[in-house]
PDB file of all heavy atoms in Angstrom:
ATOM      1  N   LEU A   1     -48.224 -50.243 -46.719  1.00  0.00           N
ATOM      2  CA  LEU A   1     -47.770 -51.538 -47.214  1.00  0.00           C
ATOM      3  C   LEU A   1     -46.911 -52.249 -46.178  1.00  0.00           C
ATOM      4  O   LEU A   1     -47.076 -53.458 -45.935  1.00  0.00           O
ATOM      5  CB  LEU A   1     -46.993 -51.347 -48.513  1.00  0.00           C
ATOM      6  CG  LEU A   1     -46.390 -52.609 -49.132  1.00  0.00           C
ATOM      7  CD1 LEU A   1     -47.488 -53.597 -49.510  1.00  0.00           C
ATOM      8  CD2 LEU A   1     -45.539 -52.275 -50.350  1.00  0.00           C
ATOM      9  N   LEU A   2     -45.993 -51.522 -45.532  1.00  0.00           N
ATOM     10  CA  LEU A   2     -45.140 -52.144 -44.516  1.00  0.00           C
ATOM     11  C   LEU A   2     -45.968 -52.634 -43.325  1.00  0.00           C
ATOM     12  O   LEU A   2     -45.655 -53.684 -42.746  1.00  0.00           O
ATOM     13  CB  LEU A   2     -44.085 -51.143 -44.031  1.00  0.00           C
ATOM     14  CG  LEU A   2     -43.062 -50.675 -45.066  1.00  0.00           C
ATOM     15  CD1 LEU A   2     -41.959 -49.860 -44.392  1.00  0.00           C
ATOM     16  CD2 LEU A   2     -42.451 -51.835 -45.828  1.00  0.00           C
ATOM     17  N   ARG A   3     -46.985 -51.887 -42.980  1.00  0.00           N
ATOM     18  CA  ARG A   3     -47.858 -52.340 -41.891  1.00  0.00           C
ATOM     19  C   ARG A   3     -48.529 -53.661 -42.258  1.00  0.00           C
ATOM     20  O   ARG A   3     -48.627 -54.570 -41.422  1.00  0.00           O
ATOM     21  CB  ARG A   3     -48.906 -51.277 -41.585  1.00  0.00           C
ATOM     22  CG  ARG A   3     -49.864 -51.669 -40.487  1.00  0.00           C
ATOM     23  CD  ARG A   3     -50.747 -50.508 -40.072  1.00  0.00           C
ATOM     24  NE  ARG A   3     -51.581 -50.870 -38.925  1.00  0.00           N
ATOM     25  CZ  ARG A   3     -52.280 -49.999 -38.211  1.00  0.00           C
ATOM     26  NH1 ARG A   3     -52.236 -48.719 -38.514  1.00  0.00           N
ATOM     27  NH2 ARG A   3     -53.009 -50.414 -37.189  1.00  0.00           N
ATOM     28  N   ALA A   4     -48.989 -53.774 -43.500  1.00  0.00           N
ATOM     29  CA  ALA A   4     -49.614 -55.017 -43.940  1.00  0.00           C
ATOM     30  C   ALA A   4     -48.605 -56.158 -43.923  1.00  0.00           C
ATOM     31  O   ALA A   4     -48.920 -57.275 -43.492  1.00  0.00           O
ATOM     32  CB  ALA A   4     -50.199 -54.832 -45.345  1.00  0.00           C
ATOM     33  N   VAL A   5     -47.385 -55.904 -44.390  1.00  0.00           N
ATOM     34  CA  VAL A   5     -46.346 -56.943 -44.404  1.00  0.00           C
ATOM     35  C   VAL A   5     -46.038 -57.411 -42.992  1.00  0.00           C
ATOM     36  O   VAL A   5     -45.879 -58.612 -42.737  1.00  0.00           O
ATOM     37  CB  VAL A   5     -45.072 -56.415 -45.092  1.00  0.00           C
ATOM     38  CG1 VAL A   5     -43.911 -57.391 -44.904  1.00  0.00           C
ATOM     39  CG2 VAL A   5     -45.316 -56.173 -46.578  1.00  0.00           C
ATOM     40  N   ALA A   6     -45.957 -56.471 -42.047  1.00  0.00           N
ATOM     41  CA  ALA A   6     -45.619 -56.822 -40.668  1.00  0.00           C
ATOM     42  C   ALA A   6     -46.663 -57.712 -40.020  1.00  0.00           C
ATOM     43  O   ALA A   6     -46.363 -58.423 -39.056  1.00  0.00           O
ATOM     44  CB  ALA A   6     -45.433 -55.551 -39.836  1.00  0.00           C
ATOM     45  N   HIS A   7     -47.889 -57.692 -40.533  1.00  0.00           N
ATOM     46  CA  HIS A   7     -48.959 -58.502 -39.945  1.00  0.00           C
ATOM     47  C   HIS A   7     -49.297 -59.734 -40.777  1.00  0.00           C
ATOM     48  O   HIS A   7     -50.239 -60.463 -40.444  1.00  0.00           O
ATOM     49  CB  HIS A   7     -50.219 -57.652 -39.752  1.00  0.00           C
ATOM     50  CG  HIS A   7     -50.115 -56.678 -38.614  1.00  0.00           C
ATOM     51  ND1 HIS A   7     -49.574 -55.409 -38.767  1.00  0.00           N
ATOM     52  CD2 HIS A   7     -50.459 -56.780 -37.300  1.00  0.00           C
ATOM     53  CE1 HIS A   7     -49.615 -54.776 -37.611  1.00  0.00           C
ATOM     54  NE2 HIS A   7     -50.146 -55.584 -36.704  1.00  0.00           N
ATOM     55  N   LEU A   8     -48.551 -59.975 -41.864  1.00  0.00           N
ATOM     56  CA  LEU A   8     -48.764 -61.201 -42.628  1.00  0.00           C
ATOM     57  C   LEU A   8     -48.305 -62.411 -41.809  1.00  0.00           C
ATOM     58  O   LEU A   8     -47.340 -62.321 -41.040  1.00  0.00           O
ATOM     59  CB  LEU A   8     -47.981 -61.154 -43.940  1.00  0.00           C
ATOM     60  CG  LEU A   8     -48.446 -60.160 -45.011  1.00  0.00           C
ATOM     61  CD1 LEU A   8     -47.473 -60.171 -46.187  1.00  0.00           C
ATOM     62  CD2 LEU A   8     -49.857 -60.477 -45.475  1.00  0.00           C
ATOM     63  N   PRO A   9     -48.961 -63.555 -41.984  1.00  0.00           N
ATOM     64  CA  PRO A   9     -48.524 -64.753 -41.256  1.00  0.00           C
ATOM     65  C   PRO A   9     -47.067 -65.113 -41.532  1.00  0.00           C
ATOM     66  O   PRO A   9     -46.373 -65.621 -40.649  1.00  0.00           O
ATOM     67  CB  PRO A   9     -49.476 -65.838 -41.774  1.00  0.00           C
ATOM     68  CG  PRO A   9     -50.683 -65.094 -42.244  1.00  0.00           C
ATOM     69  CD  PRO A   9     -50.174 -63.796 -42.784  1.00  0.00           C
ATOM     70  N   ARG A  10     -46.584 -64.850 -42.758  1.00  0.00           N
ATOM     71  CA  ARG A  10     -45.204 -65.155 -43.108  1.00  0.00           C
ATOM     72  C   ARG A  10     -44.467 -63.896 -43.554  1.00  0.00           C
ATOM     73  O   ARG A  10     -43.594 -63.940 -44.409  1.00  0.00           O
ATOM     74  CB  ARG A  10     -45.150 -66.207 -44.214  1.00  0.00           C
ATOM     75  CG  ARG A  10     -45.846 -67.521 -43.867  1.00  0.00           C
ATOM     76  CD  ARG A  10     -45.532 -68.581 -44.894  1.00  0.00           C
ATOM     77  NE  ARG A  10     -44.120 -68.911 -44.922  1.00  0.00           N
ATOM     78  CZ  ARG A  10     -43.530 -69.598 -45.900  1.00  0.00           C
ATOM     79  NH1 ARG A  10     -44.236 -69.974 -46.955  1.00  0.00           N
ATOM     80  NH2 ARG A  10     -42.244 -69.862 -45.844  1.00  0.00           N
ATOM     81  N   GLY A  11     -44.811 -62.781 -42.946  1.00  0.00           N
ATOM     82  CA  GLY A  11     -44.197 -61.519 -43.316  1.00  0.00           C
ATOM     83  C   GLY A  11     -43.372 -60.930 -42.198  1.00  0.00           C
ATOM     84  O   GLY A  11     -43.561 -61.253 -41.020  1.00  0.00           O
ATOM     85  N   MET A  12     -42.450 -60.067 -42.561  1.00  0.00           N
ATOM     86  CA  MET A  12     -41.673 -59.329 -41.571  1.00  0.00           C
ATOM     87  C   MET A  12     -41.107 -58.073 -42.213  1.00  0.00           C
ATOM     88  O   MET A  12     -40.909 -58.004 -43.421  1.00  0.00           O
ATOM     89  CB  MET A  12     -40.549 -60.186 -40.982  1.00  0.00           C
ATOM     90  CG  MET A  12     -39.402 -60.463 -41.924  1.00  0.00           C
ATOM     91  SD  MET A  12     -38.073 -61.403 -41.146  1.00  0.00           S
ATOM     92  CE  MET A  12     -38.765 -63.058 -41.249  1.00  0.00           C
ATOM     93  N   VAL A  13     -40.870 -57.072 -41.374  1.00  0.00           N
ATOM     94  CA  VAL A  13     -40.242 -55.827 -41.781  1.00  0.00           C
ATOM     95  C   VAL A  13     -38.915 -55.724 -41.053  1.00  0.00           C
ATOM     96  O   VAL A  13     -38.853 -55.943 -39.836  1.00  0.00           O
ATOM     97  CB  VAL A  13     -41.136 -54.618 -41.451  1.00  0.00           C
ATOM     98  CG1 VAL A  13     -40.407 -53.304 -41.753  1.00  0.00           C
ATOM     99  CG2 VAL A  13     -42.444 -54.689 -42.232  1.00  0.00           C
ATOM    100  N   VAL A  14     -37.851 -55.428 -41.797  1.00  0.00           N
ATOM    101  CA  VAL A  14     -36.518 -55.302 -41.211  1.00  0.00           C
ATOM    102  C   VAL A  14     -36.028 -53.881 -41.456  1.00  0.00           C
ATOM    103  O   VAL A  14     -35.815 -53.473 -42.604  1.00  0.00           O
ATOM    104  CB  VAL A  14     -35.527 -56.318 -41.819  1.00  0.00           C
ATOM    105  CG1 VAL A  14     -34.183 -56.221 -41.104  1.00  0.00           C
ATOM    106  CG2 VAL A  14     -36.078 -57.730 -41.710  1.00  0.00           C
ATOM    107  N   LEU A  15     -35.863 -53.128 -40.380  1.00  0.00           N
ATOM    108  CA  LEU A  15     -35.452 -51.724 -40.463  1.00  0.00           C
ATOM    109  C   LEU A  15     -33.952 -51.595 -40.208  1.00  0.00           C
ATOM    110  O   LEU A  15     -33.378 -52.385 -39.459  1.00  0.00           O
ATOM    111  CB  LEU A  15     -36.215 -50.890 -39.434  1.00  0.00           C
ATOM    112  CG  LEU A  15     -37.736 -50.888 -39.542  1.00  0.00           C
ATOM    113  CD1 LEU A  15     -38.345 -50.149 -38.369  1.00  0.00           C
ATOM    114  CD2 LEU A  15     -38.187 -50.278 -40.863  1.00  0.00           C
ATOM    115  N   PRO A  16     -33.325 -50.588 -40.789  1.00  0.00           N
ATOM    116  CA  PRO A  16     -31.904 -50.367 -40.517  1.00  0.00           C
ATOM    117  C   PRO A  16     -31.688 -49.375 -39.376  1.00  0.00           C
ATOM    118  O   PRO A  16     -32.319 -48.316 -39.315  1.00  0.00           O
ATOM    119  CB  PRO A  16     -31.388 -49.783 -41.847  1.00  0.00           C
ATOM    120  CG  PRO A  16     -32.565 -49.013 -42.366  1.00  0.00           C
ATOM    121  CD  PRO A  16     -33.812 -49.746 -41.891  1.00  0.00           C
ATOM    122  N   ASP A  17     -30.827 -49.743 -38.439  1.00  0.00           N
ATOM    123  CA  ASP A  17     -30.242 -48.786 -37.492  1.00  0.00           C
ATOM    124  C   ASP A  17     -31.226 -48.112 -36.544  1.00  0.00           C
ATOM    125  O   ASP A  17     -31.008 -46.968 -36.140  1.00  0.00           O
ATOM    126  CB  ASP A  17     -29.478 -47.681 -38.237  1.00  0.00           C
ATOM    127  CG  ASP A  17     -28.507 -48.227 -39.259  1.00  0.00           C
ATOM    128  OD1 ASP A  17     -28.168 -49.418 -39.159  1.00  0.00           O
ATOM    129  OD2 ASP A  17     -28.087 -47.473 -40.157  1.00  0.00           O
ATOM    130  N   LEU A  18     -32.310 -48.773 -36.161  1.00  0.00           N
ATOM    131  CA  LEU A  18     -33.165 -48.180 -35.138  1.00  0.00           C
ATOM    132  C   LEU A  18     -32.411 -48.186 -33.813  1.00  0.00           C
ATOM    133  O   LEU A  18     -31.972 -49.242 -33.345  1.00  0.00           O
ATOM    134  CB  LEU A  18     -34.475 -48.961 -35.005  1.00  0.00           C
ATOM    135  CG  LEU A  18     -35.435 -48.456 -33.922  1.00  0.00           C
ATOM    136  CD1 LEU A  18     -35.959 -47.075 -34.268  1.00  0.00           C
ATOM    137  CD2 LEU A  18     -36.589 -49.432 -33.722  1.00  0.00           C
ATOM    138  N   ASP A  19     -32.251 -47.027 -33.214  1.00  0.00           N
ATOM    139  CA  ASP A  19     -31.469 -46.901 -31.982  1.00  0.00           C
ATOM    140  C   ASP A  19     -32.336 -47.291 -30.786  1.00  0.00           C
ATOM    141  O   ASP A  19     -33.164 -46.518 -30.318  1.00  0.00           O
ATOM    142  CB  ASP A  19     -30.964 -45.468 -31.817  1.00  0.00           C
ATOM    143  CG  ASP A  19     -29.933 -45.343 -30.701  1.00  0.00           C
ATOM    144  OD1 ASP A  19     -29.820 -46.286 -29.887  1.00  0.00           O
ATOM    145  OD2 ASP A  19     -29.243 -44.315 -30.636  1.00  0.00           O
ATOM    146  N   GLN A  20     -32.130 -48.505 -30.302  1.00  0.00           N
ATOM    147  CA  GLN A  20     -32.908 -48.980 -29.163  1.00  0.00           C
ATOM    148  C   GLN A  20     -32.247 -48.685 -27.826  1.00  0.00           C
ATOM    149  O   GLN A  20     -32.746 -49.085 -26.777  1.00  0.00           O
ATOM    150  CB  GLN A  20     -33.147 -50.489 -29.313  1.00  0.00           C
ATOM    151  CG  GLN A  20     -33.987 -50.824 -30.539  1.00  0.00           C
ATOM    152  CD  GLN A  20     -34.282 -52.303 -30.657  1.00  0.00           C
ATOM    153  OE1 GLN A  20     -33.378 -53.128 -30.602  1.00  0.00           O
ATOM    154  NE2 GLN A  20     -35.556 -52.646 -30.817  1.00  0.00           N
ATOM    155  N   HIS A  21     -31.103 -47.979 -27.880  1.00  0.00           N
ATOM    156  CA  HIS A  21     -30.427 -47.586 -26.645  1.00  0.00           C
ATOM    157  C   HIS A  21     -30.887 -46.220 -26.152  1.00  0.00           C
ATOM    158  O   HIS A  21     -30.536 -45.815 -25.049  1.00  0.00           O
ATOM    159  CB  HIS A  21     -28.909 -47.576 -26.859  1.00  0.00           C
ATOM    160  CG  HIS A  21     -28.351 -48.923 -27.214  1.00  0.00           C
ATOM    161  ND1 HIS A  21     -28.286 -49.959 -26.308  1.00  0.00           N
ATOM    162  CD2 HIS A  21     -27.856 -49.405 -28.376  1.00  0.00           C
ATOM    163  CE1 HIS A  21     -27.754 -51.026 -26.904  1.00  0.00           C
ATOM    164  NE2 HIS A  21     -27.488 -50.713 -28.152  1.00  0.00           N
ATOM    165  N   LEU A  22     -31.657 -45.508 -26.970  1.00  0.00           N
ATOM    166  CA  LEU A  22     -32.209 -44.240 -26.506  1.00  0.00           C
ATOM    167  C   LEU A  22     -33.207 -44.489 -25.384  1.00  0.00           C
ATOM    168  O   LEU A  22     -34.023 -45.417 -25.465  1.00  0.00           O
ATOM    169  CB  LEU A  22     -32.918 -43.511 -27.648  1.00  0.00           C
ATOM    170  CG  LEU A  22     -32.064 -42.919 -28.785  1.00  0.00           C
ATOM    171  CD1 LEU A  22     -32.972 -42.322 -29.843  1.00  0.00           C
ATOM    172  CD2 LEU A  22     -31.111 -41.874 -28.252  1.00  0.00           C
ATOM    173  N   SER A  23     -33.132 -43.671 -24.346  1.00  0.00           N
ATOM    174  CA  SER A  23     -34.127 -43.780 -23.283  1.00  0.00           C
ATOM    175  C   SER A  23     -35.466 -43.278 -23.809  1.00  0.00           C
ATOM    176  O   SER A  23     -35.553 -42.636 -24.858  1.00  0.00           O
ATOM    177  CB  SER A  23     -33.700 -42.947 -22.076  1.00  0.00           C
ATOM    178  OG  SER A  23     -33.731 -41.564 -22.405  1.00  0.00           O
ATOM    179  N   GLU A  24     -36.518 -43.570 -23.070  1.00  0.00           N
ATOM    180  CA  GLU A  24     -37.840 -43.109 -23.488  1.00  0.00           C
ATOM    181  C   GLU A  24     -37.893 -41.585 -23.535  1.00  0.00           C
ATOM    182  O   GLU A  24     -38.532 -41.006 -24.426  1.00  0.00           O
ATOM    183  CB  GLU A  24     -38.915 -43.648 -22.539  1.00  0.00           C
ATOM    184  CG  GLU A  24     -40.335 -43.520 -23.056  1.00  0.00           C
ATOM    185  CD  GLU A  24     -40.570 -44.283 -24.352  1.00  0.00           C
ATOM    186  OE1 GLU A  24     -39.894 -45.309 -24.578  1.00  0.00           O
ATOM    187  OE2 GLU A  24     -41.438 -43.843 -25.148  1.00  0.00           O
ATOM    188  N   ALA A  25     -37.212 -40.936 -22.615  1.00  0.00           N
ATOM    189  CA  ALA A  25     -37.190 -39.471 -22.611  1.00  0.00           C
ATOM    190  C   ALA A  25     -36.472 -38.932 -23.843  1.00  0.00           C
ATOM    191  O   ALA A  25     -36.908 -37.943 -24.451  1.00  0.00           O
ATOM    192  CB  ALA A  25     -36.507 -38.966 -21.337  1.00  0.00           C
ATOM    193  N   GLN A  26     -35.377 -39.576 -24.223  1.00  0.00           N
ATOM    194  CA  GLN A  26     -34.657 -39.145 -25.421  1.00  0.00           C
ATOM    195  C   GLN A  26     -35.485 -39.392 -26.678  1.00  0.00           C
ATOM    196  O   GLN A  26     -35.484 -38.585 -27.608  1.00  0.00           O
ATOM    197  CB  GLN A  26     -33.325 -39.894 -25.514  1.00  0.00           C
ATOM    198  CG  GLN A  26     -32.317 -39.493 -24.447  1.00  0.00           C
ATOM    199  CD  GLN A  26     -31.104 -40.399 -24.437  1.00  0.00           C
ATOM    200  OE1 GLN A  26     -31.229 -41.604 -24.664  1.00  0.00           O
ATOM    201  NE2 GLN A  26     -29.941 -39.830 -24.178  1.00  0.00           N
ATOM    202  N   TRP A  27     -36.182 -40.524 -26.708  1.00  0.00           N
ATOM    203  CA  TRP A  27     -37.032 -40.844 -27.859  1.00  0.00           C
ATOM    204  C   TRP A  27     -38.151 -39.816 -27.998  1.00  0.00           C
ATOM    205  O   TRP A  27     -38.449 -39.343 -29.102  1.00  0.00           O
ATOM    206  CB  TRP A  27     -37.603 -42.246 -27.680  1.00  0.00           C
ATOM    207  CG  TRP A  27     -38.471 -42.748 -28.794  1.00  0.00           C
ATOM    208  CD1 TRP A  27     -39.820 -42.905 -28.762  1.00  0.00           C
ATOM    209  CD2 TRP A  27     -38.051 -43.187 -30.098  1.00  0.00           C
ATOM    210  NE1 TRP A  27     -40.275 -43.417 -29.964  1.00  0.00           N
ATOM    211  CE2 TRP A  27     -39.207 -43.593 -30.810  1.00  0.00           C
ATOM    212  CE3 TRP A  27     -36.823 -43.270 -30.735  1.00  0.00           C
ATOM    213  CZ2 TRP A  27     -39.168 -44.083 -32.102  1.00  0.00           C
ATOM    214  CZ3 TRP A  27     -36.778 -43.760 -32.037  1.00  0.00           C
ATOM    215  CH2 TRP A  27     -37.925 -44.150 -32.708  1.00  0.00           C
ATOM    216  N   GLU A  28     -38.769 -39.441 -26.874  1.00  0.00           N
ATOM    217  CA  GLU A  28     -39.849 -38.450 -26.914  1.00  0.00           C
ATOM    218  C   GLU A  28     -39.316 -37.060 -27.253  1.00  0.00           C
ATOM    219  O   GLU A  28     -40.038 -36.238 -27.839  1.00  0.00           O
ATOM    220  CB  GLU A  28     -40.590 -38.419 -25.576  1.00  0.00           C
ATOM    221  CG  GLU A  28     -41.383 -39.676 -25.284  1.00  0.00           C
ATOM    222  CD  GLU A  28     -42.410 -39.977 -26.365  1.00  0.00           C
ATOM    223  OE1 GLU A  28     -43.040 -39.016 -26.850  1.00  0.00           O
ATOM    224  OE2 GLU A  28     -42.576 -41.159 -26.732  1.00  0.00           O
ATOM    225  N   ALA A  29     -38.054 -36.781 -26.900  1.00  0.00           N
ATOM    226  CA  ALA A  29     -37.477 -35.469 -27.176  1.00  0.00           C
ATOM    227  C   ALA A  29     -37.287 -35.222 -28.672  1.00  0.00           C
ATOM    228  O   ALA A  29     -37.094 -34.077 -29.092  1.00  0.00           O
ATOM    229  CB  ALA A  29     -36.131 -35.315 -26.458  1.00  0.00           C
ATOM    230  N   ILE A  30     -37.329 -36.285 -29.484  1.00  0.00           N
ATOM    231  CA  ILE A  30     -37.254 -36.105 -30.936  1.00  0.00           C
ATOM    232  C   ILE A  30     -38.463 -35.323 -31.425  1.00  0.00           C
ATOM    233  O   ILE A  30     -38.414 -34.687 -32.480  1.00  0.00           O
ATOM    234  CB  ILE A  30     -37.167 -37.477 -31.633  1.00  0.00           C
ATOM    235  CG1 ILE A  30     -35.874 -38.195 -31.214  1.00  0.00           C
ATOM    236  CG2 ILE A  30     -37.216 -37.345 -33.144  1.00  0.00           C
ATOM    237  CD1 ILE A  30     -35.753 -39.611 -31.752  1.00  0.00           C
ATOM    238  N   GLY A  31     -39.519 -35.341 -30.625  1.00  0.00           N
ATOM    239  CA  GLY A  31     -40.694 -34.541 -30.936  1.00  0.00           C
ATOM    240  C   GLY A  31     -41.786 -35.341 -31.604  1.00  0.00           C
ATOM    241  O   GLY A  31     -41.590 -36.481 -32.034  1.00  0.00           O
TER     242      GLY A  31
END
């Protein structure tokens, strides 16, 4: 459902607290 909302012409998904300061290596280390 969220994927569909994100692609609606007037839709958006707002997530809480996604850490965008993690490096790509740290993000991949989450597994």
